[in-house]
Protein backbone atom coordinates (compact mmCIF):
# COMPACT_ATOMS: atom_id res chain seq x y z
CA MET A 1 82.15 86.35 73.68
CA ASP A 2 83.60 86.16 77.36
CA ARG A 3 86.59 83.79 77.18
CA LYS A 4 87.58 82.35 80.58
CA GLU A 5 91.12 80.79 79.12
CA CYS A 6 94.00 81.77 76.74
CA VAL A 7 96.30 79.94 74.76
CA SER A 8 99.69 81.23 73.96
CA GLY A 9 99.71 84.38 71.42
CA ASP A 10 96.43 85.54 72.78
CA TRP A 11 95.78 89.06 73.53
CA VAL A 12 95.07 89.53 77.01
CA GLN A 13 95.15 91.45 80.14
CA ILE A 14 96.86 90.91 83.28
CA GLU A 15 97.03 92.55 87.03
CA ARG A 16 99.47 93.17 89.39
CA VAL A 17 99.65 94.61 92.86
CA ILE A 18 102.06 97.29 93.30
CA LEU A 19 101.52 98.39 96.83
CA GLU A 20 99.05 96.61 99.34
CA ALA A 21 96.38 98.76 100.98
CA GLY A 22 98.25 100.37 104.26
CA SER A 23 101.54 100.49 102.30
CA ARG A 24 100.53 103.87 100.35
CA ALA A 25 101.86 107.31 100.90
CA PRO A 26 101.14 109.04 103.57
CA GLY A 27 99.27 111.93 102.18
CA VAL A 28 97.13 109.80 100.31
CA PRO A 29 93.12 110.23 100.94
CA GLU A 30 91.77 107.37 103.29
CA ASP A 31 89.48 105.72 101.38
CA THR A 32 92.20 105.69 98.65
CA ALA A 33 94.77 104.23 100.90
CA ALA A 34 92.35 101.35 102.27
CA LEU A 35 92.90 100.07 99.00
CA PRO A 36 95.58 98.23 97.18
CA MET A 37 97.22 99.81 94.15
CA ILE A 38 96.91 97.49 91.21
CA ALA A 39 98.74 97.98 87.89
CA ARG A 40 96.77 96.45 84.79
CA MET A 41 98.74 95.71 81.60
CA LYS A 42 97.80 94.22 78.31
CA GLY A 43 99.94 91.82 76.06
CA PHE A 44 100.29 88.70 74.30
CA ALA A 45 100.28 85.36 76.35
CA VAL A 46 103.50 83.69 76.85
CA HIS A 47 101.45 80.49 77.85
CA ASP A 48 98.26 79.20 78.15
CA ALA A 49 95.99 80.22 81.33
CA VAL A 50 92.64 80.81 83.21
CA VAL A 51 91.31 83.76 84.41
CA GLY A 52 92.89 84.11 87.94
CA GLU A 53 95.78 82.18 87.23
CA PRO A 54 99.51 83.76 87.29
CA LEU A 55 100.31 84.42 83.29
CA GLU A 56 103.64 86.07 81.70
CA VAL A 57 103.03 88.41 78.90
CA GLU A 58 104.85 90.17 76.32
CA SER A 59 103.84 93.45 75.34
CA THR A 60 103.56 95.49 72.03
CA ILE A 61 107.24 96.60 72.42
CA GLY A 62 108.83 93.17 73.71
CA ARG A 63 108.81 94.05 77.41
CA ARG A 64 107.77 90.81 79.28
CA LEU A 65 105.26 91.27 82.42
CA ALA A 66 104.04 88.89 84.90
CA GLY A 67 100.75 89.19 86.73
CA THR A 68 97.06 87.56 87.01
CA LEU A 69 95.20 86.86 83.87
CA VAL A 70 92.07 89.00 84.16
CA ALA A 71 90.69 89.25 80.76
CA VAL A 72 91.01 87.37 77.49
CA LEU A 73 90.62 89.68 74.31
CA PRO A 74 89.89 92.77 76.79
CA THR A 75 87.20 95.16 75.65
CA TYR A 76 87.68 99.31 75.75
CA SER A 77 84.91 100.20 78.25
CA HIS A 78 86.26 104.24 78.85
CA ASP A 79 84.09 106.89 77.37
CA PHE A 80 84.39 110.62 77.85
CA GLY A 81 81.00 110.87 79.21
CA ALA A 82 78.01 113.23 77.99
CA PRO A 83 78.75 115.87 75.80
CA VAL A 84 79.04 119.46 77.74
CA PRO A 85 76.12 121.70 75.90
CA GLU A 86 78.55 124.77 76.66
CA LEU A 87 81.61 123.58 74.89
CA THR A 88 79.69 121.67 71.83
CA ARG A 89 80.14 125.07 69.76
CA ALA A 90 83.32 126.45 71.31
CA GLY A 91 85.80 125.41 68.53
CA LEU A 92 83.41 126.80 66.05
CA GLN A 93 83.23 130.23 68.16
CA ALA A 94 87.06 130.24 68.62
CA ARG A 95 87.73 130.01 64.78
CA ALA A 96 85.06 132.62 63.94
CA ARG A 97 87.01 134.86 66.31
CA VAL A 98 90.23 134.19 64.76
CA ARG A 99 88.70 134.96 61.14
CA GLY A 100 87.65 138.20 62.63
CA GLU A 101 83.85 137.60 62.75
CA GLY A 102 83.10 138.02 66.06
CA GLY A 103 81.28 135.20 67.84
């Protein structure tokens, strides 16, 4: 379900440009400095909007934030990657050492 519009009260994600490209700190790597710094925030839509339109949201702590609507009912798309074989038994080995069982 990839909705393109929200109604007041929907859980949504907005984004806002914090620093334009070229306005970043001098020590930032060149490829990073060439991109804008963007903040992404989630909250409840204060009014109806369509993706790409300005929208104000209220966060779960009651803070009002403004930005551009990018997603309605946003999903979580992050993960921690593939397991590292060398670490899969690290916890077991540490507990064995604490108990004095070697390991």
